[in-house]
Amino acid sequence: MDESKKNDGILLTEGANLVLPNIKPIRLGEYGKELQKLWSEFEKIRKNGIYVADANLVQPTFSPSFLLHGLAGRHARVGKEFVFTPPDPLTVKRITKIGVISSDVELEGDLPRSYSEEETFGTADFFNADKPLSSIQEFLSYLRRRIGIGNEYVTSLDETPNSATLMFAFNSTHPELAPLMQHSMRDNQPKDELWANGFGNYINFPMQGSGLHTAVPIGLPANFLEYIVVNENSSHWQGNRLNQLRDAAVCDSHTIPLVSATTGTVIQIK
């Protein structure tokens, strides 16, 4: 198509003309079949032509209904040593093109994965607030105090590796997300009320009962990504790295703003 452009194996245009990769069969029994159906809903939402990040380019919005997904860096062996690297801009680019999706959802053309969700099968994991909060900074501060297991997925303001963590912000109350959010599961719900359990797939939350973890079947699409939270003062995002992150933070032709974990304002990169 003349109006399309090829980008990382995905044909990208605006809205309804977007072509996403097909997904491979989800091998989770009856639950996997339901997830396959839900992918169709995900695709419809991803292609509906709404880009919520446009409203955050000057002044980021926030509400207690926000969900945050953390992307941490990793330690990799280089020679005889393990070296820490921040999140790869290519991974960020994939998220801003498709969305935050479960590792159990494999796209055609991807290499087979050697891992899957170990506890929250078929879902993407998000932090949620369990009390009224007034800003993204307050939300992050609250999570840093409360989270034990998984704290590497919360952006820190110090110089630990956690300062490199990125957080992808979604407002769960957009009505267009209802087909996905209506099946979301919280870690403080009775187990017999969890959507996945109705299909014989038992979700086990690592922080059972905390009230801070929401598992969304399949995940949430990129065009409903409000912004990306980053600690721009971290040594891991100095030099050209912040520029690379900015360049990766684009959904179709729409900029996804980078928002400071310190000030809660849009980061201006010269």
Protein backbone atom coordinates (compact mmCIF):
# COMPACT_ATOMS: atom_id res chain seq x y z
CA MET A 1 0.00 0.00 0.00
CA ASP A 2 1.38 3.40 -0.92
CA GLU A 3 0.13 5.00 2.26
CA SER A 4 1.87 2.44 4.47
CA LYS A 5 5.42 2.11 5.63
CA LYS A 6 7.24 -1.03 6.72
CA ASN A 7 8.65 -0.83 10.25
CA ASP A 8 10.12 -3.79 12.15
CA GLY A 9 7.94 -6.28 10.32
CA ILE A 10 4.73 -4.33 10.95
CA LEU A 11 2.90 -2.40 8.27
CA LEU A 12 2.13 0.90 9.88
CA THR A 13 -0.49 3.45 8.92
CA GLU A 14 -3.00 5.44 10.91
CA GLY A 15 -5.95 3.82 12.64
CA ALA A 16 -8.03 1.29 10.72
CA ASN A 17 -5.36 0.71 8.05
CA LEU A 18 -2.85 -0.57 10.59
CA VAL A 19 -1.77 -4.17 9.98
CA LEU A 20 -0.61 -6.09 13.03
CA PRO A 21 1.14 -9.47 12.97
CA ASN A 22 -0.99 -12.53 13.61
CA ILE A 23 -0.45 -14.32 16.88
CA LYS A 24 0.63 -17.90 17.28
CA PRO A 25 -1.74 -20.33 19.06
CA ILE A 26 -1.70 -19.70 22.80
CA ARG A 27 -0.99 -23.05 24.41
CA LEU A 28 -3.00 -22.61 27.59
CA GLY A 29 -5.87 -25.01 26.93
CA GLU A 30 -9.41 -23.61 27.08
CA TYR A 31 -8.06 -20.40 28.59
CA GLY A 32 -5.76 -19.99 25.58
CA LYS A 33 -8.75 -20.22 23.23
CA GLU A 34 -10.46 -17.41 25.14
CA LEU A 35 -7.29 -15.33 24.93
CA GLN A 36 -7.21 -15.86 21.15
CA LYS A 37 -10.70 -14.36 20.99
CA LEU A 38 -9.60 -11.47 23.19
CA TRP A 39 -6.72 -10.71 20.81
CA SER A 40 -9.36 -9.78 18.22
CA GLU A 41 -10.69 -7.17 20.66
CA PHE A 42 -7.14 -5.95 21.29
CA GLU A 43 -6.63 -5.50 17.54
CA LYS A 44 -9.86 -3.52 17.15
CA ILE A 45 -8.85 -1.14 19.92
CA ARG A 46 -5.32 -0.78 18.60
CA LYS A 47 -6.73 0.19 15.19
CA ASN A 48 -9.49 2.57 16.31
CA GLY A 49 -7.55 5.74 15.49
CA ILE A 50 -7.48 7.11 19.05
CA TYR A 51 -4.09 8.22 20.39
CA VAL A 52 -4.39 9.31 24.02
CA ALA A 53 -0.75 10.44 24.29
CA ASP A 54 -1.65 13.52 22.23
CA ALA A 55 -3.36 14.98 25.31
CA ASN A 56 -0.18 14.64 27.41
CA LEU A 57 2.37 16.41 25.22
CA VAL A 58 2.32 19.62 27.26
CA GLN A 59 0.91 18.73 30.68
CA PRO A 60 0.71 15.05 31.65
CA THR A 61 -2.59 13.87 33.05
CA PHE A 62 -2.98 11.59 36.06
CA SER A 63 -5.74 9.89 37.98
CA PRO A 64 -5.85 7.15 40.64
CA SER A 65 -7.15 4.81 37.93
CA PHE A 66 -3.75 4.77 36.20
CA LEU A 67 -1.95 1.48 35.70
CA LEU A 68 1.85 1.32 35.42
CA HIS A 69 3.86 -1.41 33.72
CA GLY A 70 7.55 -1.52 34.58
CA LEU A 71 10.34 -2.38 32.15
CA ALA A 72 13.61 -3.05 33.98
CA GLY A 73 17.16 -3.25 32.70
CA ARG A 74 19.11 -6.47 32.92
CA HIS A 75 22.46 -7.90 33.86
CA ALA A 76 24.26 -9.73 31.06
CA ARG A 77 27.56 -11.56 31.07
CA VAL A 78 30.36 -9.76 29.23
CA GLY A 79 33.46 -11.90 29.42
CA LYS A 80 33.83 -12.93 33.04
CA GLU A 81 31.70 -10.10 34.42
CA PHE A 82 28.02 -9.26 34.58
CA VAL A 83 27.27 -5.80 33.19
CA PHE A 84 23.99 -3.93 33.75
CA THR A 85 22.28 -2.37 30.75
CA PRO A 86 19.14 -0.19 30.81
CA PRO A 87 16.03 -1.14 28.84
CA ASP A 88 16.74 -1.49 25.12
CA PRO A 89 15.14 1.22 22.94
CA LEU A 90 14.21 -1.56 20.48
CA THR A 91 12.07 -3.15 23.21
CA VAL A 92 10.50 0.24 23.89
CA LYS A 93 9.83 0.64 20.16
CA ARG A 94 8.03 -2.70 20.07
CA ILE A 95 5.83 -1.66 23.00
CA THR A 96 4.97 1.69 21.43
CA LYS A 97 4.05 -0.04 18.17
CA ILE A 98 1.94 -2.88 19.59
CA GLY A 99 1.39 -2.38 23.31
CA VAL A 100 2.20 -4.00 26.62
CA ILE A 101 1.30 -7.65 26.03
CA SER A 102 1.76 -10.94 27.84
CA SER A 103 4.92 -12.93 27.16
CA ASP A 104 2.57 -15.86 26.47
CA VAL A 105 1.32 -13.99 23.38
CA GLU A 106 3.80 -14.72 20.60
CA LEU A 107 3.61 -12.93 17.27
CA GLU A 108 4.21 -14.65 13.96
CA GLY A 109 7.76 -13.99 12.85
CA ASP A 110 9.09 -13.91 16.41
CA LEU A 111 11.68 -16.41 17.52
CA PRO A 112 10.25 -19.03 19.90
CA ARG A 113 10.49 -17.84 23.49
CA SER A 114 12.24 -19.89 26.12
CA TYR A 115 10.08 -18.49 28.91
CA SER A 116 6.48 -17.65 29.74
CA GLU A 117 4.55 -16.01 32.53
CA GLU A 118 5.30 -18.07 35.62
CA GLU A 119 2.35 -16.96 37.74
CA THR A 120 -0.05 -14.68 35.89
CA PHE A 121 -0.45 -16.74 32.73
CA GLY A 122 -1.63 -14.99 29.57
CA THR A 123 -1.70 -11.52 31.12
CA ALA A 124 0.32 -8.31 31.19
CA ASP A 125 1.17 -7.13 34.70
CA PHE A 126 0.55 -3.64 36.01
CA PHE A 127 0.82 -1.80 39.29
CA ASN A 128 -2.36 -0.05 40.43
CA ALA A 129 -3.07 2.33 43.29
CA ASP A 130 -5.18 1.07 46.19
CA LYS A 131 -5.82 4.56 47.60
CA PRO A 132 -6.46 8.06 46.19
CA LEU A 133 -3.25 9.61 44.89
CA SER A 134 -2.80 13.01 43.29
CA SER A 135 0.25 12.72 41.02
CA ILE A 136 2.50 10.30 39.21
CA GLN A 137 5.34 11.18 41.61
CA GLU A 138 3.15 10.31 44.60
CA PHE A 139 2.17 7.04 42.92
CA LEU A 140 5.83 6.10 42.38
CA SER A 141 6.79 7.07 45.93
CA TYR A 142 3.93 4.96 47.28
CA LEU A 143 4.97 1.95 45.20
CA ARG A 144 8.60 2.27 46.30
CA ARG A 145 7.45 2.08 49.94
CA ARG A 146 5.04 -0.80 49.41
CA ILE A 147 6.63 -3.11 46.84
CA GLY A 148 8.94 -5.85 48.01
CA ILE A 149 9.04 -8.61 45.38
CA GLY A 150 9.30 -6.95 41.99
CA ASN A 151 10.68 -3.60 43.13
CA GLU A 152 13.05 -3.61 40.15
CA TYR A 153 9.97 -2.74 38.07
CA VAL A 154 9.46 0.56 39.92
CA THR A 155 11.54 3.57 38.85
CA SER A 156 13.82 4.76 41.64
CA LEU A 157 15.38 8.19 42.18
CA ASP A 158 18.74 6.88 43.40
CA GLU A 159 21.65 5.43 41.45
CA THR A 160 20.74 1.77 41.80
CA PRO A 161 19.87 -0.21 38.65
CA ASN A 162 16.21 0.52 39.46
CA SER A 163 16.82 4.12 38.37
CA ALA A 164 16.96 2.82 34.79
CA THR A 165 13.48 1.25 34.99
CA LEU A 166 10.86 2.69 32.65
CA MET A 167 7.16 2.72 33.48
CA PHE A 168 4.41 2.73 30.86
CA ALA A 169 1.30 4.60 32.04
CA PHE A 170 -2.27 3.72 31.03
CA ASN A 171 -5.59 5.15 32.23
CA SER A 172 -7.75 2.08 32.82
CA THR A 173 -11.03 4.03 32.68
CA HIS A 174 -11.02 4.85 28.97
CA PRO A 175 -14.31 3.29 27.84
CA GLU A 176 -12.66 1.91 24.70
CA LEU A 177 -10.53 -0.36 26.92
CA ALA A 178 -13.56 -1.97 28.56
CA PRO A 179 -13.47 -5.17 26.44
CA LEU A 180 -10.02 -5.86 27.91
CA MET A 181 -10.36 -4.34 31.37
CA GLN A 182 -13.61 -6.17 32.15
CA HIS A 183 -11.57 -9.36 32.44
CA SER A 184 -8.71 -7.84 34.47
CA MET A 185 -7.80 -9.50 37.74
CA ARG A 186 -6.58 -7.95 41.00
CA ASP A 187 -4.38 -9.71 43.51
CA ASN A 188 -6.84 -9.07 46.34
CA GLN A 189 -9.87 -10.62 44.59
CA PRO A 190 -11.27 -13.94 45.80
CA LYS A 191 -9.72 -16.63 43.61
CA ASP A 192 -13.08 -17.96 42.47
CA GLU A 193 -13.84 -14.52 40.96
CA LEU A 194 -10.73 -14.40 38.76
CA TRP A 195 -11.64 -14.58 35.06
CA ALA A 196 -8.85 -17.02 34.16
CA ASN A 197 -9.89 -19.49 36.84
CA GLY A 198 -13.21 -20.00 35.08
CA PHE A 199 -11.28 -21.74 32.29
CA GLY A 200 -9.14 -23.91 34.51
CA ASN A 201 -6.10 -21.64 34.54
CA TYR A 202 -5.17 -20.65 38.06
CA ILE A 203 -3.53 -17.29 38.54
CA ASN A 204 -1.03 -17.00 41.37
CA PHE A 205 -0.02 -13.45 42.20
CA PRO A 206 3.49 -12.99 43.67
CA MET A 207 2.17 -10.36 46.13
CA GLN A 208 -1.15 -12.06 46.89
CA GLY A 209 -3.51 -9.72 48.73
CA SER A 210 -1.43 -6.54 48.36
CA GLY A 211 -4.11 -4.76 46.31
CA LEU A 212 -1.38 -3.28 44.08
CA HIS A 213 -1.22 -5.76 41.19
CA THR A 214 -3.60 -5.90 38.22
CA ALA A 215 -3.24 -8.62 35.59
CA VAL A 216 -4.85 -7.76 32.24
CA PRO A 217 -5.47 -10.69 29.87
CA ILE A 218 -3.51 -10.16 26.62
CA GLY A 219 -2.50 -6.62 27.67
CA LEU A 220 -3.17 -3.02 26.66
CA PRO A 221 -2.62 -1.47 23.19
CA ALA A 222 0.02 1.11 22.37
CA ASN A 223 -2.36 3.83 21.21
CA PHE A 224 -3.75 4.01 24.76
CA LEU A 225 -0.31 4.57 26.26
CA GLU A 226 -0.45 7.96 28.00
CA TYR A 227 3.29 8.44 28.51
CA ILE A 228 6.52 6.77 29.63
CA VAL A 229 7.96 7.60 33.05
CA VAL A 230 11.75 7.83 33.23
CA ASN A 231 14.34 9.05 35.73
CA GLU A 232 16.16 11.38 33.36
CA ASN A 233 18.78 12.13 36.05
CA SER A 234 19.90 8.50 36.23
CA SER A 235 23.40 7.85 34.93
CA HIS A 236 21.85 5.10 32.80
CA TRP A 237 20.00 7.69 30.67
CA GLN A 238 22.77 10.19 30.06
CA GLY A 239 24.43 11.09 26.78
CA ASN A 240 22.62 9.89 23.69
CA ARG A 241 20.54 7.28 25.49
CA LEU A 242 17.70 9.65 26.32
CA ASN A 243 17.60 10.73 22.67
CA GLN A 244 17.35 7.10 21.60
CA LEU A 245 14.52 6.58 24.05
CA ARG A 246 12.69 9.64 22.72
CA ASP A 247 13.07 8.39 19.15
CA ALA A 248 11.63 4.99 20.13
CA ALA A 249 8.64 6.54 21.92
CA VAL A 250 6.36 6.94 18.89
CA CYS A 251 3.06 5.18 18.22
CA ASP A 252 2.50 5.27 14.46
CA SER A 253 3.22 8.99 13.88
CA HIS A 254 2.18 10.11 17.39
CA THR A 255 4.79 11.05 19.98
CA ILE A 256 4.58 9.30 23.35
CA PRO A 257 5.91 11.87 25.84
CA LEU A 258 8.64 11.03 28.31
CA VAL A 259 7.64 12.18 31.79
CA SER A 260 10.06 12.85 34.63
CA ALA A 261 9.84 10.51 37.62
CA THR A 262 11.11 13.43 39.70
CA THR A 263 8.92 16.35 38.64
CA GLY A 264 6.01 14.71 36.82
CA THR A 265 6.50 17.06 33.87
CA VAL A 266 7.29 16.33 30.23
CA ILE A 267 11.01 16.02 29.68
CA GLN A 268 12.27 18.52 27.12
CA ILE A 269 15.14 17.05 25.12
CA LYS A 270 17.20 19.42 23.03
